[in-house]
Protein backbone atom coordinates (compact mmCIF):
# COMPACT_ATOMS: atom_id res chain seq x y z
CA MET A 1 5.98 -16.14 18.90
CA PRO A 2 8.71 -16.71 16.25
CA ALA A 3 10.66 -13.60 15.04
CA PRO A 4 9.36 -11.79 12.11
CA ARG A 5 10.87 -13.13 8.84
CA PRO A 6 12.54 -10.65 6.52
CA LEU A 7 10.93 -10.39 2.96
CA THR A 8 13.57 -11.65 0.49
CA LEU A 9 13.66 -13.29 -2.79
CA CYS A 10 13.09 -16.87 -3.13
CA PRO A 11 16.18 -18.89 -3.23
CA PRO A 12 17.63 -19.71 -6.66
CA PRO A 13 17.90 -23.19 -7.92
CA ASN A 14 21.19 -24.96 -7.76
CA LEU A 15 21.89 -25.90 -11.45
CA ASP A 16 24.24 -28.22 -13.19
CA TRP A 17 24.65 -27.34 -16.91
CA SER A 18 27.10 -29.97 -17.66
CA ARG A 19 24.62 -32.44 -18.94
CA PRO A 20 23.73 -32.03 -22.67
CA GLY A 21 20.14 -30.90 -23.48
CA THR A 22 18.80 -30.25 -19.98
CA PRO A 23 19.81 -28.39 -16.75
CA ALA A 24 20.01 -30.91 -13.65
CA ALA A 25 19.41 -30.25 -9.97
CA PRO A 26 22.13 -31.97 -8.20
CA ASP A 27 20.62 -31.24 -4.61
CA PHE A 28 17.59 -33.48 -5.63
CA GLY A 29 19.56 -35.88 -8.04
CA ASP A 30 17.10 -34.96 -10.89
CA ILE A 31 16.85 -33.21 -14.26
CA TYR A 32 14.27 -30.74 -15.39
CA PHE A 33 13.13 -32.34 -18.53
CA SER A 34 13.76 -35.61 -20.21
CA THR A 35 16.87 -36.14 -22.37
CA ASP A 36 14.81 -38.47 -24.63
CA GLY A 37 12.80 -35.24 -25.61
CA GLY A 38 11.40 -33.07 -23.07
CA LEU A 39 8.64 -31.52 -25.17
CA ASP A 40 7.25 -34.76 -26.41
CA GLU A 41 7.45 -36.00 -22.85
CA THR A 42 5.15 -32.97 -21.74
CA ARG A 43 2.76 -33.78 -24.66
CA THR A 44 2.59 -37.43 -23.64
CA VAL A 45 2.59 -37.41 -19.95
CA PHE A 46 0.84 -34.11 -19.07
CA LEU A 47 -1.29 -32.94 -21.92
CA GLY A 48 -2.18 -36.55 -23.05
CA GLY A 49 -2.36 -37.74 -19.51
CA CYS A 50 -4.98 -34.97 -18.64
CA GLY A 51 -7.14 -35.62 -21.68
CA LEU A 52 -6.10 -32.53 -23.47
CA PRO A 53 -7.23 -30.77 -25.73
CA LYS A 54 -10.45 -32.70 -25.47
CA GLY A 55 -10.98 -31.65 -22.01
CA TRP A 56 -11.03 -27.97 -22.50
CA GLN A 57 -13.58 -28.14 -25.51
CA GLU A 58 -16.33 -28.67 -23.19
CA THR A 59 -16.04 -25.38 -21.27
CA LYS A 60 -15.49 -21.46 -21.64
CA CYS A 61 -12.93 -21.43 -18.74
CA PHE A 62 -10.36 -24.37 -18.08
CA THR A 63 -7.90 -24.33 -15.19
CA ILE A 64 -4.61 -26.28 -15.06
CA ALA A 65 -2.63 -26.36 -11.87
CA GLU A 66 0.95 -27.50 -11.59
CA LEU A 67 3.44 -28.37 -9.01
CA GLY A 68 7.00 -27.51 -10.35
CA PHE A 69 7.11 -24.78 -12.74
CA GLY A 70 10.86 -25.37 -13.34
CA SER A 71 11.81 -24.01 -16.80
CA GLY A 72 8.24 -23.50 -17.84
CA LEU A 73 8.40 -25.90 -20.73
CA ASN A 74 5.00 -27.63 -19.61
CA PHE A 75 3.33 -24.05 -19.72
CA LEU A 76 4.70 -23.13 -23.05
CA ALA A 77 3.58 -26.53 -24.58
CA THR A 78 0.13 -26.02 -23.12
CA TRP A 79 -0.05 -22.65 -24.55
CA GLN A 80 0.87 -23.69 -27.87
CA LEU A 81 -1.68 -26.61 -27.71
CA TRP A 82 -4.25 -24.18 -26.52
CA GLU A 83 -3.79 -21.80 -29.53
CA LYS A 84 -4.31 -24.65 -31.89
CA THR A 85 -7.46 -26.24 -30.34
CA LYS A 86 -9.16 -23.64 -27.99
CA PRO A 87 -12.90 -23.49 -27.78
CA LYS A 88 -14.62 -20.29 -29.19
CA ASP A 89 -14.33 -17.37 -26.73
CA GLY A 90 -12.60 -19.73 -24.28
CA ARG A 91 -10.12 -18.72 -21.62
CA LEU A 92 -7.22 -20.67 -19.94
CA HIS A 93 -5.80 -20.33 -16.54
CA PHE A 94 -2.50 -22.04 -15.88
CA VAL A 95 -1.45 -21.95 -11.93
CA SER A 96 1.87 -23.13 -11.09
CA VAL A 97 3.96 -23.60 -7.99
CA GLU A 98 7.67 -23.20 -7.81
CA LYS A 99 9.88 -22.98 -4.64
CA TYR A 100 13.26 -22.27 -6.60
CA PRO A 101 12.17 -19.96 -9.37
CA PHE A 102 14.65 -19.10 -12.20
CA ASP A 103 16.24 -15.69 -12.65
CA LYS A 104 15.30 -14.25 -16.09
CA ASP A 105 18.83 -15.12 -17.63
CA THR A 106 18.72 -18.55 -16.49
CA LEU A 107 15.15 -19.11 -17.63
CA SER A 108 16.16 -17.69 -21.06
CA GLN A 109 18.97 -20.28 -21.19
CA ALA A 110 16.81 -23.26 -20.26
CA LEU A 111 14.16 -22.56 -22.85
CA SER A 112 16.56 -21.91 -25.74
CA ALA A 113 16.57 -25.63 -26.16
CA TRP A 114 13.23 -25.38 -27.72
CA PRO A 115 13.24 -23.29 -30.91
CA GLU A 116 9.60 -23.82 -32.00
CA LEU A 117 8.69 -22.13 -28.60
CA ALA A 118 10.96 -19.31 -28.95
CA GLY A 119 8.21 -16.80 -29.82
CA LYS A 120 6.21 -17.76 -26.55
CA ALA A 121 9.37 -17.91 -24.57
CA GLU A 122 10.37 -14.53 -25.56
CA THR A 123 6.91 -13.25 -24.50
CA LEU A 124 7.12 -15.03 -21.09
CA LEU A 125 10.51 -13.47 -20.35
CA LYS A 126 9.21 -10.05 -20.98
CA GLN A 127 6.82 -10.34 -18.03
CA TRP A 128 8.94 -12.68 -15.82
CA PRO A 129 8.81 -11.69 -12.20
CA GLY A 130 12.18 -13.21 -11.20
CA ARG A 131 12.49 -14.66 -7.77
CA VAL A 132 9.95 -12.39 -6.04
CA ARG A 133 7.98 -14.17 -3.42
CA GLY A 134 4.24 -14.62 -3.48
CA LEU A 135 1.61 -14.83 -6.25
CA HIS A 136 1.96 -13.11 -9.76
CA ARG A 137 -0.52 -13.10 -12.51
CA LEU A 138 0.58 -12.70 -16.22
CA HIS A 139 -1.65 -12.25 -19.19
CA PHE A 140 -1.09 -13.54 -22.72
CA GLY A 141 -4.29 -12.78 -24.51
CA ASP A 142 -6.73 -15.58 -23.55
CA VAL A 143 -4.27 -17.27 -21.51
CA SER A 144 -3.40 -16.31 -17.92
CA LEU A 145 -0.56 -17.65 -15.97
CA THR A 146 -0.58 -17.50 -12.18
CA LEU A 147 2.87 -18.18 -10.56
CA VAL A 148 3.11 -19.12 -6.96
CA HIS A 149 6.54 -18.63 -5.74
CA ASP A 150 6.81 -20.38 -2.30
CA ASP A 151 7.25 -23.68 -0.67
CA ILE A 152 4.52 -26.34 -1.50
CA VAL A 153 2.29 -26.27 1.57
CA PRO A 154 1.92 -22.62 1.93
CA ALA A 155 1.65 -22.27 -1.81
CA LEU A 156 -1.39 -24.64 -1.58
CA GLU A 157 -2.80 -22.86 1.23
CA SER A 158 -2.60 -19.57 -0.46
CA MET A 159 -4.69 -20.70 -3.40
CA ASN A 160 -8.46 -20.29 -4.20
CA MET A 161 -9.54 -22.21 -7.39
CA GLN A 162 -11.11 -25.15 -8.70
CA ALA A 163 -8.60 -26.85 -11.05
CA ASN A 164 -9.66 -29.20 -13.92
CA ALA A 165 -6.42 -30.55 -14.44
CA TRP A 166 -3.14 -31.24 -12.48
CA PHE A 167 0.50 -31.60 -13.69
CA LEU A 168 2.63 -33.10 -10.97
CA ASP A 169 6.03 -32.32 -12.12
CA GLY A 170 7.97 -31.84 -9.06
CA PHE A 171 11.49 -33.65 -8.48
CA SER A 172 11.14 -37.51 -7.67
CA PRO A 173 9.35 -38.49 -4.50
CA SER A 174 12.44 -40.25 -3.16
CA LYS A 175 14.40 -36.91 -3.49
CA ASN A 176 11.77 -34.39 -2.78
CA PRO A 177 9.00 -36.24 -0.42
CA ASP A 178 7.29 -33.06 0.80
CA MET A 179 5.83 -32.40 -2.59
CA TRP A 180 4.30 -35.74 -2.74
CA SER A 181 2.87 -36.16 0.81
CA ALA A 182 -0.50 -37.35 1.82
CA ASP A 183 -1.30 -33.84 3.08
CA VAL A 184 -0.43 -32.37 -0.23
CA MET A 185 -2.58 -34.90 -2.17
CA ASN A 186 -5.58 -34.18 0.12
CA LYS A 187 -5.17 -30.45 -0.61
CA LEU A 188 -5.01 -31.02 -4.33
CA ALA A 189 -8.51 -32.73 -4.16
CA SER A 190 -9.93 -29.88 -2.18
CA LEU A 191 -8.73 -27.53 -4.84
CA SER A 192 -10.13 -29.40 -7.70
CA ALA A 193 -13.26 -29.38 -9.67
CA ALA A 194 -15.44 -32.61 -9.82
CA GLY A 195 -14.11 -34.52 -12.70
CA ALA A 196 -10.55 -33.20 -12.56
CA ARG A 197 -7.81 -35.24 -14.27
CA LEU A 198 -4.35 -35.45 -12.77
CA ALA A 199 -1.06 -36.65 -14.47
CA SER A 200 2.39 -37.34 -13.49
CA PHE A 201 5.71 -39.18 -14.65
CA THR A 202 5.98 -41.09 -11.32
CA VAL A 203 4.14 -44.11 -10.31
CA ALA A 204 5.64 -44.43 -6.88
CA GLY A 205 3.51 -46.55 -4.49
CA SER A 206 3.40 -43.81 -1.87
CA VAL A 207 1.99 -41.11 -4.38
CA ARG A 208 -0.54 -43.79 -5.63
CA ARG A 209 -1.77 -44.61 -2.19
CA ALA A 210 -1.82 -40.80 -1.20
CA LEU A 211 -4.02 -39.94 -4.22
CA THR A 212 -6.28 -42.88 -3.76
CA ASP A 213 -6.88 -41.99 -0.04
CA ALA A 214 -7.46 -38.38 -1.39
CA GLY A 215 -10.32 -39.57 -3.53
CA PHE A 216 -8.95 -39.97 -6.86
CA ASP A 217 -9.15 -43.03 -9.06
CA VAL A 218 -5.59 -43.77 -10.01
CA GLU A 219 -4.15 -45.81 -13.20
CA ARG A 220 -0.73 -46.74 -14.33
CA LYS A 221 -0.20 -46.13 -18.09
CA GLU A 222 2.77 -46.96 -20.31
CA GLY A 223 5.54 -44.55 -19.62
CA PHE A 224 7.58 -42.31 -21.86
CA GLY A 225 11.10 -42.64 -23.05
CA ARG A 226 13.15 -44.67 -20.34
CA LYS A 227 10.28 -44.54 -17.92
CA ARG A 228 8.24 -47.93 -17.90
CA HIS A 229 5.03 -46.31 -16.49
CA ARG A 230 3.34 -43.07 -16.01
CA LEU A 231 0.46 -42.14 -13.71
CA GLU A 232 -3.13 -40.87 -14.60
CA ALA A 233 -5.87 -40.02 -12.01
CA TYR A 234 -9.37 -38.91 -12.11
CA LEU A 235 -11.57 -37.27 -9.34
CA PRO A 236 -15.09 -38.90 -9.63
CA GLY A 237 -17.98 -36.62 -10.01
CA LEU A 238 -19.74 -34.37 -12.46
CA GLY A 239 -17.79 -31.46 -13.49
CA ARG A 240 -18.96 -27.88 -12.33
CA GLY A 241 -20.73 -25.50 -14.53
CA PHE A 242 -18.59 -22.60 -15.68
CA PRO A 243 -19.67 -19.02 -15.55
CA LYS A 244 -20.38 -17.51 -19.29
CA ASN A 245 -19.94 -14.26 -20.70
CA ASP A 246 -23.81 -13.96 -21.54
CA SER A 247 -24.56 -12.97 -17.91
CA PRO A 248 -26.19 -9.60 -17.29
CA GLN A 249 -23.97 -6.71 -18.27
CA PRO A 250 -21.81 -5.68 -15.18
CA MET A 251 -22.26 -2.12 -13.92
CA ILE A 252 -19.35 -0.18 -12.59
CA ILE A 253 -19.96 2.86 -10.53
CA GLY A 254 -16.85 5.17 -10.79
CA ALA A 255 -14.39 6.13 -13.33
CA GLY A 256 -11.42 6.60 -10.96
CA ILE A 257 -8.56 4.16 -11.09
CA GLY A 258 -10.56 1.57 -9.33
CA GLY A 259 -13.50 1.67 -11.84
CA LEU A 260 -11.20 1.66 -14.73
CA SER A 261 -9.20 -1.33 -13.47
CA LEU A 262 -12.43 -3.18 -13.11
CA ALA A 263 -13.46 -2.09 -16.66
CA GLN A 264 -10.22 -3.19 -18.06
CA GLY A 265 -10.47 -6.71 -16.29
CA PHE A 266 -13.78 -7.24 -17.87
CA ILE A 267 -12.65 -5.93 -21.42
CA ARG A 268 -9.81 -8.50 -21.16
CA ARG A 269 -12.40 -11.05 -20.98
CA GLY A 270 -14.44 -10.08 -23.75
CA ILE A 271 -17.10 -8.39 -21.62
CA VAL A 272 -18.16 -4.91 -22.12
CA PRO A 273 -19.07 -3.34 -18.85
CA LYS A 274 -21.31 -0.13 -18.12
CA VAL A 275 -19.36 2.54 -16.42
CA ILE A 276 -21.17 5.28 -14.47
CA GLU A 277 -19.41 8.49 -13.59
CA ASP A 278 -20.30 11.40 -11.49
CA PRO A 279 -19.67 14.33 -13.67
CA ASP A 280 -18.98 16.41 -10.56
CA HIS A 281 -16.43 13.98 -9.07
CA ILE A 282 -12.87 14.93 -9.50
CA ALA A 283 -10.72 11.74 -9.42
CA ALA A 284 -6.98 11.18 -9.45
CA SER A 285 -7.53 9.31 -12.76
CA GLY A 286 -7.79 12.88 -14.34
CA ASN A 287 -4.44 14.03 -12.93
CA ALA A 288 -1.47 14.86 -15.29
CA ALA A 289 0.67 12.04 -14.05
CA ALA A 290 0.82 9.30 -11.44
CA LEU A 291 3.85 7.35 -9.94
CA ILE A 292 3.72 3.59 -10.18
CA LYS A 293 6.32 2.58 -7.58
CA PRO A 294 6.35 -0.26 -4.86
CA ARG A 295 5.32 0.11 -1.18
CA PHE A 296 7.97 -1.72 0.80
CA ASP A 297 7.83 -3.76 4.09
CA LEU A 298 10.67 -5.35 5.73
CA GLN A 299 8.79 -8.25 7.04
CA ASP A 300 7.37 -11.21 5.08
CA ARG A 301 3.70 -10.84 5.63
CA PRO A 302 0.65 -11.60 3.16
CA GLU A 303 0.25 -7.88 2.57
CA SER A 304 4.06 -7.33 2.03
CA ARG A 305 3.95 -9.83 -0.77
CA PHE A 306 0.86 -8.22 -2.26
CA PHE A 307 2.60 -4.81 -2.25
CA LEU A 308 5.41 -6.18 -4.46
CA SER A 309 3.19 -8.42 -6.80
CA SER A 310 0.77 -5.58 -7.25
CA TYR A 311 3.63 -3.23 -8.33
CA LEU A 312 4.85 -5.70 -10.80
CA TYR A 313 1.24 -6.33 -12.12
CA ALA A 314 0.66 -2.60 -12.45
CA LEU A 315 4.05 -2.21 -14.53
CA GLU A 316 2.50 -4.36 -17.19
CA PHE A 317 -0.97 -3.10 -16.83
CA TYR A 318 0.02 0.49 -17.74
CA GLN A 319 2.10 -0.56 -20.86
CA GLY A 320 1.61 2.12 -23.46
CA PHE A 321 0.98 4.88 -20.87
CA SER A 322 4.40 5.65 -19.69
CA LEU A 323 5.67 9.27 -19.38
CA THR A 324 9.02 8.46 -18.01
CA GLN A 325 10.73 5.20 -16.45
CA GLY A 326 12.98 5.23 -13.21
CA VAL A 327 12.10 6.85 -9.99
CA GLU A 328 14.31 7.99 -7.29
CA HIS A 329 12.91 7.51 -3.84
CA ARG A 330 14.60 9.72 -0.88
CA GLY A 331 14.09 9.19 2.76
CA LYS A 332 12.50 12.00 4.60
CA ASN A 333 14.79 11.44 7.63
CA LYS A 334 17.73 9.41 8.81
CA LYS A 335 15.48 6.68 10.22
CA GLU A 336 13.77 6.22 6.76
CA LYS A 337 17.32 6.30 5.01
CA ALA A 338 18.56 3.54 7.45
CA ARG A 339 15.49 1.57 6.34
CA TYR A 340 16.09 1.89 2.85
CA LEU A 341 19.62 0.36 3.27
CA LYS A 342 18.16 -2.44 5.08
CA LEU A 343 15.82 -3.08 2.17
CA LEU A 344 18.98 -2.94 -0.33
CA SER A 345 20.55 -5.63 1.92
CA GLN A 346 17.46 -7.83 1.92
CA ASN A 347 16.88 -7.57 -1.76
CA PRO A 348 12.93 -8.15 -2.06
CA LEU A 349 13.09 -7.44 -5.72
CA PRO A 350 15.45 -8.48 -8.55
CA ASP A 351 18.59 -6.24 -9.19
CA ASP A 352 17.16 -4.64 -12.13
CA HIS A 353 14.09 -3.18 -9.93
CA ILE A 354 15.87 -1.77 -6.98
CA THR A 355 19.52 -0.31 -6.24
CA GLU A 356 21.06 2.66 -4.71
CA SER A 357 21.13 6.20 -6.24
CA ALA A 358 24.09 8.60 -6.45
CA ASN A 359 22.37 10.34 -3.73
CA GLY A 360 22.48 7.30 -1.31
CA ALA A 361 18.76 6.87 -1.92
CA LEU A 362 16.74 4.20 -3.42
CA PHE A 363 16.60 4.11 -7.26
CA LEU A 364 13.78 2.05 -8.80
CA PRO A 365 14.79 1.54 -12.48
CA GLN A 366 11.55 0.06 -13.73
CA ALA A 367 9.04 2.42 -11.82
CA LEU A 368 7.02 4.46 -14.03
CA ALA A 369 5.32 8.03 -14.38
CA ILE A 370 2.18 7.23 -16.28
CA ASP A 371 -0.54 9.27 -18.15
CA PRO A 372 -3.79 8.70 -16.11
CA LEU A 373 -5.79 10.71 -18.41
CA GLY A 374 -4.74 8.99 -21.57
CA PHE A 375 -5.28 5.54 -19.77
CA LYS A 376 -8.66 6.67 -18.72
CA GLN A 377 -9.83 7.80 -22.20
CA SER A 378 -8.39 4.54 -23.69
CA ILE A 379 -10.65 2.48 -21.25
CA LEU A 380 -13.75 4.50 -21.44
CA SER A 381 -13.63 4.30 -25.38
CA ASN A 382 -14.28 0.51 -24.96
CA VAL A 383 -17.13 0.54 -22.55
CA ASP A 384 -20.77 1.58 -22.28
CA TYR A 385 -20.18 4.94 -20.52
CA GLU A 386 -22.77 7.27 -18.86
CA ALA A 387 -22.15 10.52 -16.73
CA LYS A 388 -24.71 10.99 -14.19
CA LYS A 389 -25.11 11.53 -10.57
CA LEU A 390 -26.26 8.70 -8.33
CA GLU A 391 -28.37 9.58 -5.37
CA GLU A 392 -28.63 5.92 -4.35
CA LEU A 393 -27.16 2.41 -5.23
CA PRO A 394 -28.90 0.63 -7.97
CA VAL A 395 -30.83 -2.51 -7.21
CA GLY A 396 -31.80 -5.47 -9.45
CA ARG A 397 -30.25 -8.45 -11.12
CA THR A 398 -27.53 -6.26 -12.76
CA PRO A 399 -24.10 -7.24 -10.98
CA VAL A 400 -22.83 -3.91 -9.49
CA PHE A 401 -19.10 -3.17 -8.87
CA LEU A 402 -18.81 -0.05 -6.59
CA ALA A 403 -15.46 2.04 -7.00
CA PRO A 404 -16.48 5.62 -6.83
CA GLY A 405 -13.57 6.93 -4.89
CA TYR A 406 -14.72 9.74 -2.73
CA GLY A 407 -18.11 9.24 -3.87
CA ILE A 408 -18.53 6.25 -1.60
CA HIS A 409 -19.15 8.57 1.24
CA ALA A 410 -22.68 9.43 -0.03
CA LEU A 411 -23.47 5.93 -1.38
CA LEU A 412 -22.23 4.08 1.79
CA PRO A 413 -22.34 6.66 4.61
CA ASP A 414 -22.20 4.00 7.28
CA TRP A 415 -18.81 2.56 6.25
CA PRO A 416 -16.26 3.80 8.66
CA LEU A 417 -13.72 5.32 6.13
CA ARG A 418 -11.40 8.25 6.29
CA TYR A 419 -11.06 11.00 3.76
CA SER A 420 -8.06 13.06 3.03
CA ARG A 421 -7.53 15.81 0.46
CA GLY A 422 -4.54 16.06 -1.83
CA GLN A 423 -3.55 19.15 -4.03
CA LEU A 424 -1.20 18.97 -6.88
CA SER A 425 0.78 22.20 -7.87
CA TRP A 426 2.68 23.25 -11.03
CA ALA A 427 6.09 25.11 -11.33
CA GLN A 428 8.26 26.29 -13.99
CA SER A 429 10.72 23.51 -15.36
CA HIS A 430 14.01 23.64 -13.47
CA SER A 431 17.35 23.21 -15.37
CA ASP A 432 18.87 21.18 -12.59
CA PHE A 433 15.89 18.75 -12.16
CA GLN A 434 15.36 15.77 -14.57
CA GLY A 435 13.33 12.58 -14.13
CA ALA A 436 11.15 11.58 -11.29
CA VAL A 437 11.64 11.94 -7.53
CA SER A 438 9.59 10.92 -4.45
CA TYR A 439 10.25 12.27 -1.03
CA GLY A 440 7.08 11.69 0.91
CA GLY A 441 5.63 14.09 -1.85
CA TYR A 442 6.99 13.79 -5.30
CA ALA A 443 7.93 15.82 -8.40
CA LEU A 444 8.43 15.14 -12.18
CA ASN A 445 8.73 16.79 -15.62
CA VAL A 446 5.37 16.86 -17.41
CA LYS A 447 5.04 18.59 -20.76
CA ASP A 448 7.79 21.27 -20.05
CA GLU A 449 6.70 22.00 -16.56
CA LEU A 450 7.10 20.61 -13.08
CA LEU A 451 4.44 18.61 -11.48
CA ILE A 452 4.77 18.81 -7.53
CA GLY A 453 2.50 17.00 -5.06
CA ALA A 454 0.74 16.40 -3.18
CA THR A 455 -0.54 17.76 -0.06
CA HIS A 456 -2.08 15.32 2.50
CA ASP A 457 -4.71 16.94 4.81
CA ARG A 458 -7.56 15.37 6.65
CA LEU A 459 -10.88 16.45 5.08
CA VAL A 460 -12.72 18.99 6.97
CA PRO A 461 -16.59 18.35 7.17
CA ALA A 462 -18.69 20.57 5.02
CA GLU A 463 -15.82 21.90 3.01
CA ASN A 464 -15.63 21.41 -0.98
CA PRO A 465 -12.63 19.07 -1.29
CA PHE A 466 -12.03 20.31 -4.68
CA ASP A 467 -11.73 24.18 -3.97
CA LEU A 468 -8.13 25.02 -4.48
CA LYS A 469 -5.87 26.53 -1.60
CA ASP A 470 -2.99 28.81 -2.16
CA GLU A 471 -1.38 27.80 0.96
CA ASN A 472 -1.31 24.13 -0.37
CA ASP A 473 0.64 25.39 -3.50
CA ARG A 474 3.20 27.17 -1.26
CA LYS A 475 3.57 23.90 0.96
CA ASN A 476 4.28 21.67 -2.00
CA LEU A 477 6.86 24.24 -3.42
CA GLU A 478 8.66 24.48 -0.20
CA GLN A 479 8.66 20.77 0.22
CA PHE A 480 10.10 20.44 -3.19
CA GLU A 481 12.92 23.03 -2.20
CA THR A 482 13.60 21.49 1.16
CA HIS A 483 14.13 17.95 -0.12
CA LEU A 484 15.89 18.89 -3.41
CA GLY A 485 17.50 21.92 -2.51
CA LEU A 486 16.18 23.61 -5.60
CA LYS A 487 14.02 26.73 -5.59
CA PRO A 488 10.94 26.35 -7.91
CA ASN A 489 9.20 29.12 -9.55
CA PRO A 490 5.28 28.85 -9.61
CA SER A 491 3.53 28.35 -12.93
CA GLU A 492 0.37 29.59 -14.40
CA THR A 493 -1.17 26.17 -14.86
CA PRO A 494 -3.96 25.65 -12.52
CA SER A 495 -3.62 23.41 -9.61
CA ARG A 496 -5.83 20.17 -8.87
CA ALA A 497 -7.24 18.75 -5.93
CA SER A 498 -8.93 15.30 -5.20
CA VAL A 499 -9.70 13.06 -2.16
CA ARG A 500 -7.98 9.81 -0.91
CA VAL A 501 -10.06 7.14 0.69
CA THR A 502 -8.45 5.17 3.47
CA THR A 503 -9.25 2.59 6.28
CA SER A 504 -8.05 2.81 9.70
CA ASP A 505 -5.36 0.22 9.00
CA THR A 506 -4.51 1.72 5.61
CA LEU A 507 -5.10 -1.51 3.85
CA PRO A 508 -7.65 -1.76 0.96
CA ALA A 509 -11.14 -2.93 1.52
CA ILE A 510 -12.79 -5.31 -0.92
CA GLY A 511 -15.89 -7.30 -0.69
CA LYS A 512 -19.74 -7.24 -0.60
CA THR A 513 -22.47 -4.95 0.83
CA ARG A 514 -25.47 -6.80 2.45
CA THR A 515 -27.31 -6.50 -0.99
CA GLY A 516 -24.33 -8.17 -2.80
CA ILE A 517 -22.80 -5.25 -4.33
CA ARG A 518 -19.02 -5.63 -4.72
CA VAL A 519 -16.80 -2.87 -3.47
CA LEU A 520 -13.30 -1.72 -4.14
CA THR A 521 -12.22 0.97 -1.79
CA GLY A 522 -9.68 2.26 0.66
CA LEU A 523 -6.77 2.57 -1.87
CA GLY A 524 -5.29 5.55 -0.23
CA SER A 525 -2.44 7.08 -2.12
CA ARG A 526 -1.47 3.73 -3.69
CA GLY A 527 -4.59 3.29 -5.82
CA PHE A 528 -2.71 3.33 -9.30
CA VAL A 529 -0.47 0.54 -7.80
CA PHE A 530 -3.00 -1.61 -5.92
CA ALA A 531 -6.24 -1.13 -7.90
CA PRO A 532 -5.24 -3.20 -11.18
CA LEU A 533 -4.46 -6.38 -9.27
CA LEU A 534 -7.32 -6.10 -6.76
CA ALA A 535 -9.79 -5.45 -9.67
CA GLU A 536 -8.48 -8.60 -11.32
CA ALA A 537 -9.01 -10.48 -8.04
CA ILE A 538 -12.62 -9.16 -7.62
CA ILE A 539 -13.48 -10.09 -11.18
CA SER A 540 -11.79 -13.59 -10.80
CA ASP A 541 -13.97 -14.24 -7.69
CA TYR A 542 -17.15 -13.10 -9.53
CA LEU A 543 -16.42 -15.40 -12.50
CA GLY A 544 -15.33 -18.32 -10.47
CA GLU A 545 -11.53 -17.98 -11.81
CA PRO A 546 -8.47 -18.74 -9.69
CA LEU A 547 -7.69 -15.83 -7.39
CA PRO A 548 -4.48 -13.92 -8.33
CA ILE A 549 -3.85 -13.00 -4.82
CA GLU A 550 -3.15 -14.95 -1.79
CA GLN A 551 -6.24 -16.41 0.11
CA ARG A 552 -4.82 -14.82 3.23
CA VAL A 553 -4.70 -11.42 1.49
CA TRP A 554 -8.22 -11.74 0.20
CA GLU A 555 -9.45 -12.39 3.78
CA LYS A 556 -7.23 -9.74 5.16
CA PHE A 557 -8.47 -6.95 2.88
CA SER A 558 -12.08 -8.06 3.29
CA ALA A 559 -14.37 -5.09 4.05
CA SER A 560 -15.94 -6.92 6.72
CA ARG A 561 -13.19 -6.19 8.96
CA LEU A 562 -14.29 -2.52 9.07
CA PHE A 563 -17.37 -3.48 11.04
CA ASN A 564 -15.55 -5.86 13.79
């Protein structure tokens, strides 16, 4: 068995900026876009070659996949055309693979060559994930971009989609043969909808033969600029039907962070869900604050990549609900502190996301403390909301999405889940404490007081988990003093308790019950970070859209594992 690979950033591209008008990749003997006019080349070779915009006029949801994101020029040009010609209520998915992603500054430099795309380039740069490995979903209104930062074969294996069009824009086949192999072309066919179109700048014989063998009808067309020919291909068959937004109203059970994330995913698509909340259920979504910070893993595993991509996704998801930015993360012991130093040396996130604090701990400059209650109120104001107790799961043709937090123990009592109680405490503000710190527990200033939490105790059968315990308040304040060396004074503000739901392997659980109900549970203490991207994945699967997480993650998190 090979040794575990450390989780690091993707390697940067080796760029040569000496050529006027375009960066070059000397390792591949190629340039990123044509010096004869890169934007016109994109419009001719890829957009025109795939029959756009006519192709997306025929459906509510259209998916374009690309090999070679590079500078992002193809994506921005596609987005520009979409805005001018999109169908009513349409959605566009753009999925793109890149082994050597640009840093934010390098991407900005490359895109500065296209002033007419400046506004869209700026919007892209604000969400740019840098060279973080794995899948990253970015939203721009009715356009979603899914970046796959990986080598070509594992990238394609990670995808779950049916593409309507392909842009093959890797470096030339003679310099980068792995991207144009027969295995890759067969994989493209398996990820394509019937009737999919494909376009490329190259007409190399090996590429044409590989596409033909994979089932595509291939043609040579007049080239652009100095190139004599370009390639168009078509996958025979009738295009699949796409889900429409006029299906029965989805019902979401639960208004904790799982249910709210599902609701926001539907709202983003112009679908108004019904949200049912148990009025007696105290969820963490009603807490005064929550920390958005990454879970780290030293090894490069599917779940490790998800931990980072879900964190980056959550930072965008909670825009407008931030209480403070920047979180110091202190180790509880020497072993954990040594692990943090190793994380810093591996550098799994860009430098503006992870560094060393003055105390020798991790400092996460982009991490957030958010206002969960404000976020909840914002979401519920845009849905069909009802507060009522549910004695059993609803049945019928209405699609049901189950995310009730602790309430799942009553609705799915046979599921092997674990429950732990967490209590938050309040103290008076301390003149020597500012910002937000985590140390196993966490502390931050909220409205001129100090919020400290949270206990982590296995739920005792028959106890009311929401009853407050004085000993829990004492424990929280003692932990604060132990780790920060500051003595807190209790506040008069009442404490608050809620319940975490976890699985035996501490990973989330998503999937379906035997009756077809979709479930989001097992989020543990990371619900505010994990739920937004997992909800996006569940809704994408329901609507037949490209998944925003790796196929291996989807399978690894499947709730069916709980019963094996």
